[in-house]
Amino acid sequence: MSRRPRLTGTDLIAVLRKAGFEVIRTRGSHYRLRHPDSRCTTVPVHGNETIGPGLIGRILADCELTWDEFLDLLAK
């Protein structure tokens, strides 16, 4: 199994936008995203700080995306 990517919050939001999510609001450094079918998640954006694989996994679970689907979106 290959290493899971480490991304910044801004990079993660860009990938989630490719999956159809849109930012609906921000509060401080936390961005709330929603998909048209009502799936939601929150992504922290703390400058250039990377988000660890555990939190990315939790965000993907909220979005109902698998790691393979996420990696495909990341490659686009």
N, C-alpha and C. Protein backbone atom coordinates (compact mmCIF):
# COMPACT_ATOMS: atom_id res chain seq x y z
N MET A 1 0.84 -1.17 0.00
CA MET A 1 0.00 0.00 0.00
C MET A 1 0.89 1.24 0.00
N SER A 2 0.54 2.21 -0.83
CA SER A 2 1.36 3.41 -0.92
C SER A 2 1.01 4.38 0.21
N ARG A 3 1.90 5.34 0.40
CA ARG A 3 1.67 6.34 1.43
C ARG A 3 0.46 7.19 1.08
N ARG A 4 -0.29 7.54 2.09
CA ARG A 4 -1.44 8.41 1.89
C ARG A 4 -0.94 9.84 1.77
N PRO A 5 -1.52 10.62 0.87
CA PRO A 5 -1.02 11.99 0.66
C PRO A 5 -1.32 12.90 1.85
N ARG A 6 -0.47 13.87 2.03
CA ARG A 6 -0.70 14.92 3.02
C ARG A 6 -0.92 16.20 2.25
N LEU A 7 -2.05 16.81 2.49
CA LEU A 7 -2.43 18.01 1.77
C LEU A 7 -2.72 19.14 2.74
N THR A 8 -2.66 20.35 2.25
CA THR A 8 -3.13 21.49 3.04
C THR A 8 -4.64 21.54 2.93
N GLY A 9 -5.27 22.31 3.79
CA GLY A 9 -6.72 22.45 3.73
C GLY A 9 -7.18 23.01 2.41
N THR A 10 -6.44 23.97 1.86
CA THR A 10 -6.80 24.56 0.58
C THR A 10 -6.74 23.53 -0.54
N ASP A 11 -5.72 22.68 -0.53
CA ASP A 11 -5.60 21.63 -1.54
C ASP A 11 -6.75 20.62 -1.41
N LEU A 12 -7.10 20.27 -0.19
CA LEU A 12 -8.18 19.32 0.05
C LEU A 12 -9.52 19.88 -0.43
N ILE A 13 -9.75 21.15 -0.19
CA ILE A 13 -10.98 21.78 -0.68
C ILE A 13 -11.04 21.75 -2.19
N ALA A 14 -9.91 21.98 -2.85
CA ALA A 14 -9.87 21.94 -4.31
C ALA A 14 -10.25 20.55 -4.84
N VAL A 15 -9.77 19.51 -4.18
CA VAL A 15 -10.10 18.14 -4.60
C VAL A 15 -11.59 17.86 -4.35
N LEU A 16 -12.11 18.31 -3.22
CA LEU A 16 -13.52 18.07 -2.93
C LEU A 16 -14.43 18.84 -3.89
N ARG A 17 -13.97 19.99 -4.36
CA ARG A 17 -14.76 20.73 -5.37
C ARG A 17 -14.87 19.92 -6.66
N LYS A 18 -13.83 19.18 -7.00
CA LYS A 18 -13.90 18.31 -8.18
C LYS A 18 -14.95 17.23 -8.02
N ALA A 19 -15.25 16.86 -6.77
CA ALA A 19 -16.26 15.84 -6.48
C ALA A 19 -17.65 16.44 -6.37
N GLY A 20 -17.77 17.76 -6.56
CA GLY A 20 -19.08 18.39 -6.55
C GLY A 20 -19.42 19.14 -5.28
N PHE A 21 -18.49 19.23 -4.34
CA PHE A 21 -18.74 19.96 -3.09
C PHE A 21 -18.50 21.44 -3.30
N GLU A 22 -19.25 22.26 -2.58
CA GLU A 22 -19.08 23.71 -2.62
C GLU A 22 -18.98 24.24 -1.20
N VAL A 23 -18.19 25.28 -1.03
CA VAL A 23 -18.07 25.93 0.28
C VAL A 23 -19.36 26.70 0.52
N ILE A 24 -20.02 26.41 1.65
CA ILE A 24 -21.26 27.11 1.95
C ILE A 24 -21.07 28.17 3.03
N ARG A 25 -20.02 28.04 3.84
CA ARG A 25 -19.74 29.06 4.84
C ARG A 25 -18.37 28.82 5.44
N THR A 26 -17.86 29.83 6.08
CA THR A 26 -16.62 29.72 6.83
C THR A 26 -16.84 30.31 8.21
N ARG A 27 -16.14 29.77 9.15
CA ARG A 27 -16.14 30.31 10.50
C ARG A 27 -14.72 30.21 11.01
N GLY A 28 -14.07 31.35 11.08
CA GLY A 28 -12.66 31.35 11.43
C GLY A 28 -11.87 30.67 10.33
N SER A 29 -11.13 29.64 10.67
CA SER A 29 -10.32 28.94 9.68
C SER A 29 -10.94 27.61 9.26
N HIS A 30 -12.23 27.42 9.54
CA HIS A 30 -12.90 26.17 9.19
C HIS A 30 -13.92 26.42 8.08
N TYR A 31 -13.80 25.64 7.02
CA TYR A 31 -14.66 25.78 5.86
C TYR A 31 -15.67 24.64 5.86
N ARG A 32 -16.93 24.98 5.71
CA ARG A 32 -18.00 23.98 5.66
C ARG A 32 -18.36 23.78 4.20
N LEU A 33 -18.32 22.51 3.76
CA LEU A 33 -18.63 22.17 2.37
C LEU A 33 -19.87 21.29 2.32
N ARG A 34 -20.65 21.46 1.26
CA ARG A 34 -21.85 20.65 1.08
C ARG A 34 -21.94 20.22 -0.38
N HIS A 35 -22.38 19.00 -0.56
CA HIS A 35 -22.63 18.42 -1.88
C HIS A 35 -24.11 18.63 -2.21
N PRO A 36 -24.49 18.71 -3.48
CA PRO A 36 -25.91 18.87 -3.82
C PRO A 36 -26.83 17.79 -3.24
N ASP A 37 -26.29 16.59 -2.96
CA ASP A 37 -27.13 15.54 -2.37
C ASP A 37 -27.11 15.60 -0.84
N SER A 38 -26.65 16.70 -0.26
CA SER A 38 -26.67 17.05 1.16
C SER A 38 -25.57 16.42 2.02
N ARG A 39 -24.56 15.77 1.44
CA ARG A 39 -23.40 15.33 2.23
C ARG A 39 -22.62 16.58 2.65
N CYS A 40 -22.15 16.61 3.90
CA CYS A 40 -21.42 17.78 4.42
C CYS A 40 -20.15 17.36 5.13
N THR A 41 -19.21 18.28 5.17
CA THR A 41 -17.99 18.08 5.95
C THR A 41 -17.39 19.43 6.28
N THR A 42 -16.46 19.43 7.21
CA THR A 42 -15.74 20.65 7.59
C THR A 42 -14.25 20.40 7.39
N VAL A 43 -13.59 21.37 6.76
CA VAL A 43 -12.16 21.27 6.48
C VAL A 43 -11.44 22.44 7.15
N PRO A 44 -10.44 22.15 8.00
CA PRO A 44 -9.67 23.24 8.60
C PRO A 44 -8.61 23.76 7.63
N VAL A 45 -8.48 25.06 7.56
CA VAL A 45 -7.46 25.69 6.71
C VAL A 45 -6.61 26.56 7.61
N HIS A 46 -5.47 26.03 8.01
CA HIS A 46 -4.56 26.74 8.91
C HIS A 46 -3.27 27.07 8.17
N GLY A 47 -3.35 28.00 7.26
CA GLY A 47 -2.18 28.41 6.49
C GLY A 47 -1.64 27.27 5.65
N ASN A 48 -0.36 27.01 5.73
CA ASN A 48 0.27 25.93 4.96
C ASN A 48 0.42 24.66 5.77
N GLU A 49 -0.28 24.54 6.88
CA GLU A 49 -0.22 23.34 7.71
C GLU A 49 -0.90 22.17 7.00
N THR A 50 -0.25 21.02 7.00
CA THR A 50 -0.82 19.85 6.34
C THR A 50 -1.84 19.16 7.24
N ILE A 51 -2.78 18.50 6.58
CA ILE A 51 -3.78 17.73 7.29
C ILE A 51 -3.31 16.28 7.27
N GLY A 52 -3.27 15.66 8.41
CA GLY A 52 -2.79 14.29 8.52
C GLY A 52 -3.74 13.28 7.88
N PRO A 53 -3.24 12.08 7.63
CA PRO A 53 -4.05 11.07 6.97
C PRO A 53 -5.27 10.64 7.78
N GLY A 54 -5.20 10.71 9.09
CA GLY A 54 -6.34 10.33 9.91
C GLY A 54 -7.51 11.29 9.73
N LEU A 55 -7.23 12.59 9.75
CA LEU A 55 -8.28 13.58 9.56
C LEU A 55 -8.81 13.54 8.13
N ILE A 56 -7.92 13.34 7.15
CA ILE A 56 -8.40 13.21 5.77
C ILE A 56 -9.34 12.02 5.66
N GLY A 57 -8.99 10.92 6.32
CA GLY A 57 -9.87 9.74 6.32
C GLY A 57 -11.23 10.04 6.91
N ARG A 58 -11.26 10.82 7.99
CA ARG A 58 -12.54 11.19 8.62
C ARG A 58 -13.36 12.09 7.69
N ILE A 59 -12.69 13.02 7.02
CA ILE A 59 -13.37 13.91 6.08
C ILE A 59 -13.93 13.10 4.91
N LEU A 60 -13.15 12.13 4.41
CA LEU A 60 -13.63 11.29 3.32
C LEU A 60 -14.82 10.45 3.75
N ALA A 61 -14.82 9.99 4.99
CA ALA A 61 -15.97 9.23 5.50
C ALA A 61 -17.21 10.13 5.54
N ASP A 62 -17.05 11.38 5.98
CA ASP A 62 -18.16 12.32 5.98
C ASP A 62 -18.70 12.55 4.57
N CYS A 63 -17.77 12.57 3.60
CA CYS A 63 -18.14 12.81 2.20
C CYS A 63 -18.59 11.54 1.48
N GLU A 64 -18.47 10.40 2.16
CA GLU A 64 -18.80 9.10 1.59
C GLU A 64 -17.97 8.82 0.33
N LEU A 65 -16.68 9.14 0.41
CA LEU A 65 -15.73 8.85 -0.65
C LEU A 65 -14.72 7.82 -0.15
N THR A 66 -14.30 6.93 -1.04
CA THR A 66 -13.25 5.98 -0.69
C THR A 66 -11.89 6.62 -0.99
N TRP A 67 -10.83 6.01 -0.45
CA TRP A 67 -9.48 6.51 -0.75
C TRP A 67 -9.19 6.43 -2.24
N ASP A 68 -9.66 5.36 -2.90
CA ASP A 68 -9.41 5.22 -4.33
C ASP A 68 -10.10 6.33 -5.12
N GLU A 69 -11.34 6.64 -4.77
CA GLU A 69 -12.05 7.73 -5.44
C GLU A 69 -11.34 9.05 -5.20
N PHE A 70 -10.87 9.24 -3.97
CA PHE A 70 -10.16 10.48 -3.62
C PHE A 70 -8.86 10.59 -4.42
N LEU A 71 -8.11 9.51 -4.52
CA LEU A 71 -6.85 9.55 -5.26
C LEU A 71 -7.08 9.79 -6.75
N ASP A 72 -8.18 9.26 -7.29
CA ASP A 72 -8.53 9.53 -8.69
C ASP A 72 -8.81 11.02 -8.89
N LEU A 73 -9.56 11.62 -7.97
CA LEU A 73 -9.84 13.06 -8.07
C LEU A 73 -8.56 13.88 -7.91
N LEU A 74 -7.68 13.42 -7.05
CA LEU A 74 -6.42 14.13 -6.82
C LEU A 74 -5.54 14.11 -8.07
N ALA A 75 -5.61 13.03 -8.83
CA ALA A 75 -4.79 12.88 -10.03
C ALA A 75 -5.31 13.72 -11.20
N LYS A 76 -6.56 14.14 -11.15
CA LYS A 76 -7.14 14.92 -12.25
C LYS A 76 -6.60 16.31 -12.30
